Amino acid sequence: MNTKKSILLIIVILLIDQISKIYIKTNFQLQEEIYVFDWFRIHFIENNGAAWGTEIGGKTGKLILTLFRLCAIVGIGYWLRKSIKENAHNLLIISISLIFCGALGNIIDSVFYGVLFTDSYGQLATFNPSEATGAIFHGKVVDMLYFPIWQGTLPEWIPSVGGNYFTFFNAIFNVADSAITIGVMILLFFNKVIFPKN
């Protein structure tokens, strides 16, 4: 895979990610949900940017996470460029490209959304930098894809969690998260193909 194809893949996924986030942010109020199917919903939440909606503490923690991500994406970009130059396996270049564009998609939210959009609490956010409530590097990541495939009470005989109400799959995520996950899964499942032993 050459540089042009890698860049095209990154741009296409990044556009899908950002268009979907901006649409949700400007057409849904926070926590608003619509059912596509029983097992798939669009559910608008925002988080401080840790993986799979994990919350981190305070503005300092958020700033540290954003700066860490910016450093990480430089490293991922270097790895991608090096892999392309060395004519690495196509699966490796695809996986790094997916991880890169996923990380970049969430970085855009974290860095810029706080200064570009108004608040989503109890109202539709608007693109209005003069009334935005956040600060640069302190934006929240928009998540909306929710797949509660099964919900119900677990049998009593299951240790520790038996009798509790349980939802599988409970994470709410976005296109960028999906790209990162697919990229990592390619690395894991095709590890022997991508990194053959001499």
N, C-alpha and C. Protein backbone atom coordinates (compact mmCIF):
# COMPACT_ATOMS: atom_id res chain seq x y z
N MET A 1 0.86 -1.19 0.00
CA MET A 1 0.00 0.00 0.00
C MET A 1 0.89 1.24 0.00
N ASN A 2 0.59 2.17 -0.89
CA ASN A 2 1.43 3.35 -0.98
C ASN A 2 0.88 4.50 -0.14
N THR A 3 1.61 5.60 -0.12
CA THR A 3 1.25 6.76 0.71
C THR A 3 -0.11 7.34 0.31
N LYS A 4 -0.36 7.44 -0.99
CA LYS A 4 -1.61 8.04 -1.46
C LYS A 4 -2.82 7.24 -0.98
N LYS A 5 -2.74 5.92 -1.07
CA LYS A 5 -3.86 5.07 -0.64
C LYS A 5 -4.06 5.17 0.87
N SER A 6 -2.97 5.22 1.62
CA SER A 6 -3.05 5.37 3.07
C SER A 6 -3.71 6.69 3.44
N ILE A 7 -3.29 7.77 2.79
CA ILE A 7 -3.86 9.10 3.06
C ILE A 7 -5.34 9.12 2.68
N LEU A 8 -5.69 8.50 1.56
CA LEU A 8 -7.09 8.44 1.14
C LEU A 8 -7.94 7.71 2.17
N LEU A 9 -7.45 6.57 2.67
CA LEU A 9 -8.16 5.82 3.70
C LEU A 9 -8.36 6.68 4.95
N ILE A 10 -7.30 7.37 5.37
CA ILE A 10 -7.37 8.23 6.56
C ILE A 10 -8.40 9.34 6.35
N ILE A 11 -8.36 10.00 5.20
CA ILE A 11 -9.27 11.12 4.93
C ILE A 11 -10.72 10.66 4.90
N VAL A 12 -10.99 9.53 4.22
CA VAL A 12 -12.38 9.04 4.11
C VAL A 12 -12.95 8.72 5.49
N ILE A 13 -12.20 7.98 6.31
CA ILE A 13 -12.70 7.62 7.64
C ILE A 13 -12.81 8.84 8.54
N LEU A 14 -11.84 9.74 8.44
CA LEU A 14 -11.89 10.96 9.24
C LEU A 14 -13.11 11.82 8.88
N LEU A 15 -13.42 11.92 7.60
CA LEU A 15 -14.61 12.66 7.17
C LEU A 15 -15.89 12.02 7.70
N ILE A 16 -15.99 10.69 7.59
CA ILE A 16 -17.18 9.99 8.11
C ILE A 16 -17.31 10.24 9.61
N ASP A 17 -16.18 10.15 10.33
CA ASP A 17 -16.17 10.37 11.77
C ASP A 17 -16.63 11.78 12.12
N GLN A 18 -16.03 12.79 11.51
CA GLN A 18 -16.34 14.17 11.87
C GLN A 18 -17.74 14.59 11.41
N ILE A 19 -18.15 14.15 10.23
CA ILE A 19 -19.51 14.49 9.77
C ILE A 19 -20.55 13.88 10.69
N SER A 20 -20.35 12.63 11.10
CA SER A 20 -21.32 11.99 12.00
C SER A 20 -21.34 12.68 13.36
N LYS A 21 -20.19 13.07 13.87
CA LYS A 21 -20.13 13.75 15.18
C LYS A 21 -20.79 15.12 15.12
N ILE A 22 -20.48 15.88 14.08
CA ILE A 22 -21.06 17.23 13.97
C ILE A 22 -22.57 17.14 13.77
N TYR A 23 -23.02 16.16 12.99
CA TYR A 23 -24.47 15.98 12.81
C TYR A 23 -25.15 15.66 14.14
N ILE A 24 -24.60 14.72 14.88
CA ILE A 24 -25.18 14.34 16.17
C ILE A 24 -25.15 15.52 17.13
N LYS A 25 -24.02 16.20 17.20
CA LYS A 25 -23.87 17.31 18.16
C LYS A 25 -24.84 18.45 17.87
N THR A 26 -25.15 18.68 16.60
CA THR A 26 -26.02 19.82 16.25
C THR A 26 -27.48 19.42 16.02
N ASN A 27 -27.80 18.13 16.13
CA ASN A 27 -29.18 17.68 15.92
C ASN A 27 -29.76 16.88 17.07
N PHE A 28 -28.93 16.57 18.08
CA PHE A 28 -29.37 15.81 19.25
C PHE A 28 -29.00 16.58 20.51
N GLN A 29 -29.88 16.51 21.50
CA GLN A 29 -29.51 16.99 22.82
C GLN A 29 -28.75 15.88 23.53
N LEU A 30 -27.93 16.25 24.48
CA LEU A 30 -27.16 15.27 25.24
C LEU A 30 -28.11 14.24 25.85
N GLN A 31 -27.78 12.98 25.74
CA GLN A 31 -28.54 11.81 26.22
C GLN A 31 -29.76 11.48 25.35
N GLU A 32 -29.99 12.21 24.28
CA GLU A 32 -31.10 11.86 23.39
C GLU A 32 -30.76 10.57 22.65
N GLU A 33 -31.80 9.78 22.41
CA GLU A 33 -31.59 8.45 21.83
C GLU A 33 -32.69 8.13 20.83
N ILE A 34 -32.29 7.51 19.72
CA ILE A 34 -33.29 6.97 18.79
C ILE A 34 -32.97 5.50 18.54
N TYR A 35 -34.02 4.70 18.40
CA TYR A 35 -33.87 3.29 18.12
C TYR A 35 -33.77 3.07 16.61
N VAL A 36 -32.70 2.41 16.17
CA VAL A 36 -32.60 1.96 14.79
C VAL A 36 -33.16 0.55 14.74
N PHE A 37 -32.69 -0.31 15.64
CA PHE A 37 -33.21 -1.64 15.92
C PHE A 37 -33.20 -1.79 17.43
N ASP A 38 -33.78 -2.88 17.95
CA ASP A 38 -33.70 -3.12 19.40
C ASP A 38 -32.26 -3.23 19.87
N TRP A 39 -31.41 -3.77 19.01
CA TRP A 39 -30.02 -4.02 19.40
C TRP A 39 -29.06 -2.92 18.91
N PHE A 40 -29.58 -1.88 18.26
CA PHE A 40 -28.72 -0.78 17.79
C PHE A 40 -29.45 0.53 17.95
N ARG A 41 -28.82 1.46 18.66
CA ARG A 41 -29.40 2.77 18.90
C ARG A 41 -28.37 3.86 18.64
N ILE A 42 -28.87 5.04 18.31
CA ILE A 42 -28.04 6.24 18.28
C ILE A 42 -28.30 6.94 19.61
N HIS A 43 -27.29 7.03 20.43
CA HIS A 43 -27.44 7.58 21.78
C HIS A 43 -26.30 8.60 21.98
N PHE A 44 -26.65 9.86 22.08
CA PHE A 44 -25.65 10.93 22.14
C PHE A 44 -25.13 11.14 23.56
N ILE A 45 -23.83 10.90 23.71
CA ILE A 45 -23.14 11.23 24.96
C ILE A 45 -21.84 11.96 24.60
N GLU A 46 -21.26 12.60 25.58
CA GLU A 46 -19.94 13.21 25.44
C GLU A 46 -19.07 12.72 26.58
N ASN A 47 -17.79 12.56 26.31
CA ASN A 47 -16.87 12.17 27.38
C ASN A 47 -15.57 12.95 27.24
N ASN A 48 -14.76 12.85 28.26
CA ASN A 48 -13.52 13.62 28.29
C ASN A 48 -12.42 13.05 27.41
N GLY A 49 -12.69 11.94 26.76
CA GLY A 49 -11.76 11.49 25.73
C GLY A 49 -10.96 10.26 26.03
N ALA A 50 -11.13 9.64 27.19
CA ALA A 50 -10.43 8.39 27.44
C ALA A 50 -11.14 7.27 26.68
N ALA A 51 -10.46 6.15 26.54
CA ALA A 51 -10.98 5.06 25.72
C ALA A 51 -12.34 4.57 26.21
N TRP A 52 -13.25 4.35 25.26
CA TRP A 52 -14.58 3.81 25.51
C TRP A 52 -15.35 4.60 26.55
N GLY A 53 -15.18 5.90 26.57
CA GLY A 53 -15.97 6.76 27.45
C GLY A 53 -15.51 6.79 28.89
N THR A 54 -14.34 6.21 29.19
CA THR A 54 -13.83 6.24 30.55
C THR A 54 -13.58 7.69 30.95
N GLU A 55 -14.06 8.06 32.12
CA GLU A 55 -13.91 9.44 32.58
C GLU A 55 -12.57 9.62 33.29
N ILE A 56 -12.01 10.80 33.15
CA ILE A 56 -10.78 11.17 33.85
C ILE A 56 -11.05 12.42 34.67
N GLY A 57 -10.27 12.61 35.70
CA GLY A 57 -10.58 13.67 36.64
C GLY A 57 -10.04 15.04 36.28
N GLY A 58 -10.92 16.03 36.31
CA GLY A 58 -10.55 17.44 36.26
C GLY A 58 -9.96 17.94 34.96
N LYS A 59 -9.77 19.26 34.93
CA LYS A 59 -9.22 19.90 33.73
C LYS A 59 -7.77 19.53 33.51
N THR A 60 -7.02 19.34 34.58
CA THR A 60 -5.62 18.97 34.44
C THR A 60 -5.49 17.59 33.81
N GLY A 61 -6.29 16.64 34.29
CA GLY A 61 -6.29 15.30 33.72
C GLY A 61 -6.66 15.31 32.25
N LYS A 62 -7.66 16.13 31.90
CA LYS A 62 -8.09 16.25 30.51
C LYS A 62 -6.97 16.82 29.65
N LEU A 63 -6.30 17.85 30.13
CA LEU A 63 -5.20 18.47 29.39
C LEU A 63 -4.05 17.48 29.19
N ILE A 64 -3.71 16.75 30.24
CA ILE A 64 -2.63 15.75 30.15
C ILE A 64 -2.99 14.68 29.12
N LEU A 65 -4.25 14.21 29.14
CA LEU A 65 -4.68 13.19 28.18
C LEU A 65 -4.58 13.71 26.75
N THR A 66 -5.03 14.94 26.52
CA THR A 66 -4.98 15.52 25.17
C THR A 66 -3.54 15.68 24.69
N LEU A 67 -2.66 16.17 25.57
CA LEU A 67 -1.25 16.34 25.20
C LEU A 67 -0.60 14.98 24.94
N PHE A 68 -0.95 13.98 25.75
CA PHE A 68 -0.44 12.62 25.52
C PHE A 68 -0.87 12.11 24.16
N ARG A 69 -2.14 12.33 23.82
CA ARG A 69 -2.65 11.89 22.51
C ARG A 69 -1.92 12.58 21.37
N LEU A 70 -1.64 13.85 21.52
CA LEU A 70 -0.92 14.59 20.47
C LEU A 70 0.48 14.00 20.27
N CYS A 71 1.15 13.66 21.37
CA CYS A 71 2.47 13.03 21.26
C CYS A 71 2.35 11.64 20.63
N ALA A 72 1.32 10.89 21.05
CA ALA A 72 1.13 9.53 20.53
C ALA A 72 0.88 9.54 19.03
N ILE A 73 0.09 10.51 18.56
CA ILE A 73 -0.22 10.52 17.13
C ILE A 73 1.00 10.86 16.29
N VAL A 74 1.93 11.64 16.85
CA VAL A 74 3.20 11.90 16.15
C VAL A 74 3.96 10.58 16.00
N GLY A 75 4.00 9.79 17.06
CA GLY A 75 4.66 8.49 17.01
C GLY A 75 3.99 7.53 16.03
N ILE A 76 2.66 7.52 16.03
CA ILE A 76 1.91 6.65 15.10
C ILE A 76 2.16 7.09 13.66
N GLY A 77 2.18 8.40 13.44
CA GLY A 77 2.47 8.93 12.10
C GLY A 77 3.86 8.54 11.62
N TYR A 78 4.83 8.60 12.52
CA TYR A 78 6.19 8.18 12.18
C TYR A 78 6.22 6.70 11.82
N TRP A 79 5.53 5.87 12.62
CA TRP A 79 5.47 4.42 12.38
C TRP A 79 4.84 4.14 11.01
N LEU A 80 3.78 4.87 10.70
CA LEU A 80 3.10 4.70 9.41
C LEU A 80 4.04 5.06 8.25
N ARG A 81 4.68 6.21 8.36
CA ARG A 81 5.58 6.65 7.29
C ARG A 81 6.72 5.67 7.08
N LYS A 82 7.30 5.20 8.21
CA LYS A 82 8.40 4.23 8.15
C LYS A 82 7.94 2.93 7.52
N SER A 83 6.75 2.46 7.87
CA SER A 83 6.22 1.20 7.33
C SER A 83 5.99 1.30 5.83
N ILE A 84 5.48 2.44 5.37
CA ILE A 84 5.26 2.64 3.93
C ILE A 84 6.60 2.66 3.19
N LYS A 85 7.58 3.37 3.74
CA LYS A 85 8.91 3.45 3.10
C LYS A 85 9.57 2.08 3.00
N GLU A 86 9.33 1.24 4.01
CA GLU A 86 9.95 -0.09 4.04
C GLU A 86 9.13 -1.14 3.29
N ASN A 87 8.07 -0.70 2.60
CA ASN A 87 7.18 -1.62 1.88
C ASN A 87 6.66 -2.73 2.78
N ALA A 88 6.21 -2.36 3.96
CA ALA A 88 5.68 -3.32 4.92
C ALA A 88 4.40 -3.96 4.36
N HIS A 89 3.96 -5.02 4.99
CA HIS A 89 2.75 -5.73 4.57
C HIS A 89 1.56 -4.76 4.54
N ASN A 90 0.71 -4.91 3.52
CA ASN A 90 -0.47 -4.04 3.39
C ASN A 90 -1.34 -4.02 4.63
N LEU A 91 -1.49 -5.17 5.28
CA LEU A 91 -2.33 -5.23 6.49
C LEU A 91 -1.75 -4.35 7.60
N LEU A 92 -0.43 -4.30 7.69
CA LEU A 92 0.20 -3.43 8.70
C LEU A 92 -0.09 -1.97 8.40
N ILE A 93 0.06 -1.58 7.15
CA ILE A 93 -0.17 -0.18 6.77
C ILE A 93 -1.65 0.18 6.96
N ILE A 94 -2.55 -0.72 6.61
CA ILE A 94 -3.98 -0.47 6.82
C ILE A 94 -4.28 -0.31 8.30
N SER A 95 -3.73 -1.20 9.12
CA SER A 95 -4.02 -1.13 10.56
C SER A 95 -3.47 0.15 11.19
N ILE A 96 -2.25 0.53 10.82
CA ILE A 96 -1.68 1.77 11.36
C ILE A 96 -2.48 2.97 10.88
N SER A 97 -2.90 2.95 9.61
CA SER A 97 -3.72 4.05 9.07
C SER A 97 -5.02 4.19 9.84
N LEU A 98 -5.66 3.06 10.16
CA LEU A 98 -6.91 3.08 10.93
C LEU A 98 -6.69 3.63 12.33
N ILE A 99 -5.63 3.18 12.98
CA ILE A 99 -5.32 3.66 14.33
C ILE A 99 -5.01 5.15 14.30
N PHE A 100 -4.25 5.58 13.29
CA PHE A 100 -3.89 6.99 13.15
C PHE A 100 -5.13 7.86 12.98
N CYS A 101 -6.01 7.49 12.02
CA CYS A 101 -7.17 8.36 11.76
C CYS A 101 -8.16 8.31 12.92
N GLY A 102 -8.26 7.17 13.62
CA GLY A 102 -9.12 7.11 14.79
C GLY A 102 -8.64 8.02 15.90
N ALA A 103 -7.33 7.97 16.15
CA ALA A 103 -6.75 8.85 17.17
C ALA A 103 -6.91 10.31 16.78
N LEU A 104 -6.67 10.62 15.50
CA LEU A 104 -6.80 11.99 15.04
C LEU A 104 -8.24 12.49 15.15
N GLY A 105 -9.21 11.62 14.83
CA GLY A 105 -10.62 12.00 14.94
C GLY A 105 -11.00 12.42 16.35
N ASN A 106 -10.56 11.66 17.34
CA ASN A 106 -10.88 12.01 18.73
C ASN A 106 -10.06 13.20 19.23
N ILE A 107 -8.85 13.37 18.70
CA ILE A 107 -8.05 14.54 19.06
C ILE A 107 -8.73 15.82 18.58
N ILE A 108 -9.30 15.79 17.38
CA ILE A 108 -10.00 16.97 16.86
C ILE A 108 -11.10 17.40 17.82
N ASP A 109 -11.88 16.42 18.32
CA ASP A 109 -12.92 16.74 19.30
C ASP A 109 -12.30 17.37 20.54
N SER A 110 -11.28 16.72 21.08
CA SER A 110 -10.67 17.16 22.34
C SER A 110 -10.06 18.55 22.24
N VAL A 111 -9.42 18.83 21.12
CA VAL A 111 -8.72 20.10 20.98
C VAL A 111 -9.66 21.24 20.61
N PHE A 112 -10.59 20.99 19.67
CA PHE A 112 -11.34 22.10 19.08
C PHE A 112 -12.82 22.21 19.45
N TYR A 113 -13.49 21.12 19.79
CA TYR A 113 -14.94 21.19 19.97
C TYR A 113 -15.35 22.12 21.10
N GLY A 114 -14.51 22.25 22.13
CA GLY A 114 -14.83 23.14 23.24
C GLY A 114 -14.88 24.60 22.87
N VAL A 115 -14.15 24.99 21.80
CA VAL A 115 -14.14 26.39 21.38
C VAL A 115 -14.94 26.64 20.11
N LEU A 116 -15.51 25.59 19.53
CA LEU A 116 -16.28 25.75 18.30
C LEU A 116 -17.79 25.62 18.49
N PHE A 117 -18.21 24.85 19.52
CA PHE A 117 -19.63 24.56 19.70
C PHE A 117 -20.13 25.03 21.06
N THR A 118 -21.40 25.41 21.08
CA THR A 118 -22.04 25.72 22.36
C THR A 118 -22.35 24.43 23.09
N ASP A 119 -22.79 24.54 24.32
CA ASP A 119 -23.08 23.39 25.18
C ASP A 119 -24.24 22.56 24.63
N SER A 120 -24.24 21.26 24.94
CA SER A 120 -25.30 20.34 24.49
C SER A 120 -26.29 19.99 25.59
N TYR A 121 -26.09 20.50 26.80
CA TYR A 121 -26.98 20.17 27.92
C TYR A 121 -28.33 20.84 27.74
N GLY A 122 -29.38 20.04 27.54
CA GLY A 122 -30.73 20.57 27.44
C GLY A 122 -31.01 21.40 26.21
N GLN A 123 -30.12 21.36 25.23
CA GLN A 123 -30.31 22.14 24.01
C GLN A 123 -29.49 21.53 22.89
N LEU A 124 -29.78 21.95 21.68
CA LEU A 124 -28.95 21.55 20.55
C LEU A 124 -27.73 22.47 20.51
N ALA A 125 -26.57 21.89 20.36
CA ALA A 125 -25.36 22.70 20.23
C ALA A 125 -25.36 23.38 18.88
N THR A 126 -24.76 24.53 18.83
CA THR A 126 -24.61 25.24 17.56
C THR A 126 -23.14 25.57 17.35
N PHE A 127 -22.78 25.69 16.07
CA PHE A 127 -21.42 26.11 15.74
C PHE A 127 -21.37 27.61 15.93
N ASN A 128 -20.79 28.02 17.07
CA ASN A 128 -20.77 29.43 17.40
C ASN A 128 -19.59 29.71 18.33
N PRO A 129 -18.41 29.92 17.74
CA PRO A 129 -17.22 30.13 18.57
C PRO A 129 -17.34 31.28 19.57
N SER A 130 -18.15 32.29 19.27
CA SER A 130 -18.25 33.42 20.19
C SER A 130 -19.03 33.07 21.46
N GLU A 131 -19.86 32.02 21.42
CA GLU A 131 -20.62 31.61 22.60
C GLU A 131 -20.21 30.24 23.13
N ALA A 132 -19.15 29.67 22.59
CA ALA A 132 -18.69 28.36 23.05
C ALA A 132 -18.30 28.43 24.53
N THR A 133 -18.55 27.35 25.24
CA THR A 133 -18.36 27.35 26.69
C THR A 133 -17.06 26.70 27.14
N GLY A 134 -16.31 26.08 26.23
CA GLY A 134 -15.11 25.38 26.62
C GLY A 134 -13.85 26.15 26.28
N ALA A 135 -12.75 25.45 26.38
CA ALA A 135 -11.44 26.03 26.07
C ALA A 135 -10.70 25.08 25.15
N ILE A 136 -9.71 25.61 24.44
CA ILE A 136 -8.91 24.76 23.56
C ILE A 136 -8.24 23.68 24.41
N PHE A 137 -8.13 22.48 23.87
CA PHE A 137 -7.61 21.29 24.54
C PHE A 137 -8.56 20.71 25.58
N HIS A 138 -9.75 21.29 25.74
CA HIS A 138 -10.68 20.81 26.76
C HIS A 138 -12.04 20.42 26.18
N GLY A 139 -12.10 20.16 24.88
CA GLY A 139 -13.35 19.73 24.27
C GLY A 139 -13.70 18.30 24.67
N LYS A 140 -14.96 17.96 24.51
CA LYS A 140 -15.41 16.60 24.83
C LYS A 140 -15.62 15.81 23.56
N VAL A 141 -15.33 14.52 23.64
CA VAL A 141 -15.47 13.63 22.49
C VAL A 141 -16.92 13.19 22.36
N VAL A 142 -17.45 13.27 21.14
CA VAL A 142 -18.83 12.90 20.85
C VAL A 142 -18.90 11.40 20.55
N ASP A 143 -19.77 10.70 21.27
CA ASP A 143 -20.02 9.28 21.03
C ASP A 143 -21.50 9.09 20.74
N MET A 144 -21.82 8.08 19.91
CA MET A 144 -23.23 7.90 19.56
C MET A 144 -23.63 6.48 19.19
N LEU A 145 -22.71 5.60 18.91
CA LEU A 145 -23.05 4.25 18.45
C LEU A 145 -23.21 3.34 19.66
N TYR A 146 -24.40 2.75 19.80
CA TYR A 146 -24.73 1.96 20.99
C TYR A 146 -25.39 0.66 20.54
N PHE A 147 -24.79 -0.45 20.92
CA PHE A 147 -25.27 -1.77 20.52
C PHE A 147 -25.60 -2.62 21.76
N PRO A 148 -26.72 -2.36 22.44
CA PRO A 148 -27.09 -3.20 23.59
C PRO A 148 -27.70 -4.52 23.08
N ILE A 149 -26.84 -5.43 22.65
CA ILE A 149 -27.28 -6.65 21.97
C ILE A 149 -28.17 -7.51 22.87
N TRP A 150 -27.83 -7.55 24.16
CA TRP A 150 -28.66 -8.33 25.09
C TRP A 150 -28.76 -7.59 26.41
N GLN A 151 -29.98 -7.53 26.95
CA GLN A 151 -30.20 -6.93 28.26
C GLN A 151 -31.09 -7.86 29.08
N GLY A 152 -30.74 -8.04 30.33
CA GLY A 152 -31.57 -8.89 31.18
C GLY A 152 -30.88 -9.16 32.51
N THR A 153 -31.55 -9.92 33.33
CA THR A 153 -31.02 -10.27 34.65
C THR A 153 -30.22 -11.56 34.53
N LEU A 154 -29.00 -11.53 35.06
CA LEU A 154 -28.12 -12.69 34.99
C LEU A 154 -28.60 -13.77 35.95
N PRO A 155 -28.43 -15.04 35.61
CA PRO A 155 -28.85 -16.13 36.50
C PRO A 155 -28.16 -16.04 37.86
N GLU A 156 -28.88 -16.46 38.89
CA GLU A 156 -28.38 -16.38 40.26
C GLU A 156 -27.10 -17.19 40.47
N TRP A 157 -26.92 -18.28 39.71
CA TRP A 157 -25.78 -19.17 39.94
C TRP A 157 -24.45 -18.58 39.48
N ILE A 158 -24.44 -17.45 38.77
CA ILE A 158 -23.17 -16.85 38.34
C ILE A 158 -22.53 -16.13 39.52
N PRO A 159 -21.29 -16.50 39.89
CA PRO A 159 -20.64 -15.87 41.05
C PRO A 159 -20.52 -14.35 40.91
N SER A 160 -20.69 -13.65 41.99
CA SER A 160 -20.50 -12.20 42.13
C SER A 160 -21.55 -11.35 41.42
N VAL A 161 -21.94 -11.71 40.20
CA VAL A 161 -22.85 -10.86 39.43
C VAL A 161 -24.23 -11.47 39.24
N GLY A 162 -24.43 -12.69 39.70
CA GLY A 162 -25.72 -13.36 39.54
C GLY A 162 -26.86 -12.57 40.16
N GLY A 163 -27.97 -12.45 39.43
CA GLY A 163 -29.13 -11.71 39.89
C GLY A 163 -29.10 -10.24 39.51
N ASN A 164 -27.98 -9.75 39.00
CA ASN A 164 -27.86 -8.35 38.61
C ASN A 164 -28.35 -8.15 37.17
N TYR A 165 -28.85 -6.94 36.91
CA TYR A 165 -29.25 -6.58 35.56
C TYR A 165 -27.99 -6.30 34.75
N PHE A 166 -27.93 -6.79 33.53
CA PHE A 166 -26.71 -6.72 32.75
C PHE A 166 -27.04 -6.37 31.30
N THR A 167 -26.19 -5.52 30.71
CA THR A 167 -26.32 -5.18 29.29
C THR A 167 -25.05 -5.59 28.57
N PHE A 168 -25.22 -6.36 27.51
CA PHE A 168 -24.11 -6.71 26.64
C PHE A 168 -24.46 -6.21 25.24
N PHE A 169 -23.84 -5.34 24.80
CA PHE A 169 -22.59 -4.65 24.86
C PHE A 169 -22.91 -3.23 25.31
N ASN A 170 -22.32 -2.74 26.39
CA ASN A 170 -22.78 -1.51 27.02
C ASN A 170 -22.00 -0.26 26.62
N ALA A 171 -20.92 -0.41 25.87
CA ALA A 171 -20.11 0.75 25.49
C ALA A 171 -20.82 1.59 24.43
N ILE A 172 -20.66 2.90 24.52
CA ILE A 172 -21.13 3.82 23.49
C ILE A 172 -19.87 4.45 22.88
N PHE A 173 -19.78 4.40 21.56
CA PHE A 173 -18.53 4.79 20.92
C PHE A 173 -18.81 5.55 19.62
N ASN A 174 -17.77 5.84 18.86
CA ASN A 174 -17.91 6.59 17.61
C ASN A 174 -17.11 5.92 16.50
N VAL A 175 -17.12 6.51 15.32
CA VAL A 175 -16.42 5.94 14.17
C VAL A 175 -14.91 5.89 14.42
N ALA A 176 -14.36 6.92 15.07
CA ALA A 176 -12.93 6.94 15.37
C ALA A 176 -12.55 5.78 16.28
N ASP A 177 -13.35 5.54 17.32
CA ASP A 177 -13.10 4.40 18.20
C ASP A 177 -13.13 3.09 17.43
N SER A 178 -14.09 2.98 16.51
CA SER A 178 -14.21 1.77 15.69
C SER A 178 -12.97 1.56 14.84
N ALA A 179 -12.45 2.65 14.25
CA ALA A 179 -11.25 2.55 13.42
C ALA A 179 -10.06 2.06 14.24
N ILE A 180 -9.90 2.60 15.45
CA ILE A 180 -8.80 2.18 16.32
C ILE A 180 -8.95 0.71 16.66
N THR A 181 -10.16 0.30 17.03
CA THR A 181 -10.41 -1.09 17.42
C THR A 181 -10.12 -2.05 16.27
N ILE A 182 -10.61 -1.72 15.07
CA ILE A 182 -10.37 -2.58 13.91
C ILE A 182 -8.87 -2.64 13.60
N GLY A 183 -8.19 -1.50 13.68
CA GLY A 183 -6.75 -1.48 13.43
C GLY A 183 -5.99 -2.38 14.41
N VAL A 184 -6.34 -2.31 15.68
CA VAL A 184 -5.68 -3.14 16.70
C VAL A 184 -6.03 -4.62 16.47
N MET A 185 -7.27 -4.91 16.12
CA MET A 185 -7.67 -6.30 15.87
C MET A 185 -6.92 -6.89 14.68
N ILE A 186 -6.70 -6.09 13.64
CA ILE A 186 -5.91 -6.57 12.49
C ILE A 186 -4.50 -6.94 12.96
N LEU A 187 -3.89 -6.09 13.79
CA LEU A 187 -2.55 -6.38 14.30
C LEU A 187 -2.53 -7.67 15.12
N LEU A 188 -3.57 -7.87 15.94
CA LEU A 188 -3.61 -9.06 16.79
C LEU A 188 -3.88 -10.34 16.00
N PHE A 189 -4.90 -10.30 15.14
CA PHE A 189 -5.32 -11.52 14.45
C PHE A 189 -4.39 -11.92 13.31
N PHE A 190 -3.73 -10.94 12.70
CA PHE A 190 -2.86 -11.24 11.57
C PHE A 190 -1.39 -11.00 11.90
N ASN A 191 -1.08 -11.12 13.18
CA ASN A 191 0.26 -10.84 13.67
C ASN A 191 1.32 -11.66 12.94
N LYS A 192 1.08 -12.95 12.74
CA LYS A 192 2.07 -13.83 12.11
C LYS A 192 2.25 -13.52 10.63
N VAL A 193 1.18 -13.01 9.99
CA VAL A 193 1.27 -12.63 8.58
C VAL A 193 2.01 -11.31 8.44
N ILE A 194 1.69 -10.37 9.34
CA ILE A 194 2.29 -9.03 9.26
C ILE A 194 3.75 -9.04 9.67
N PHE A 195 4.07 -9.81 10.70
CA PHE A 195 5.45 -9.88 11.22
C PHE A 195 5.97 -11.32 11.13
N PRO A 196 6.23 -11.81 9.91
CA PRO A 196 6.69 -13.19 9.77
C PRO A 196 8.08 -13.37 10.38
N LYS A 197 8.30 -14.56 10.95
CA LYS A 197 9.62 -14.86 11.49
C LYS A 197 10.53 -15.28 10.35
N ASN A 198 11.74 -14.74 10.36
CA ASN A 198 12.70 -15.11 9.31
C ASN A 198 13.21 -16.52 9.54
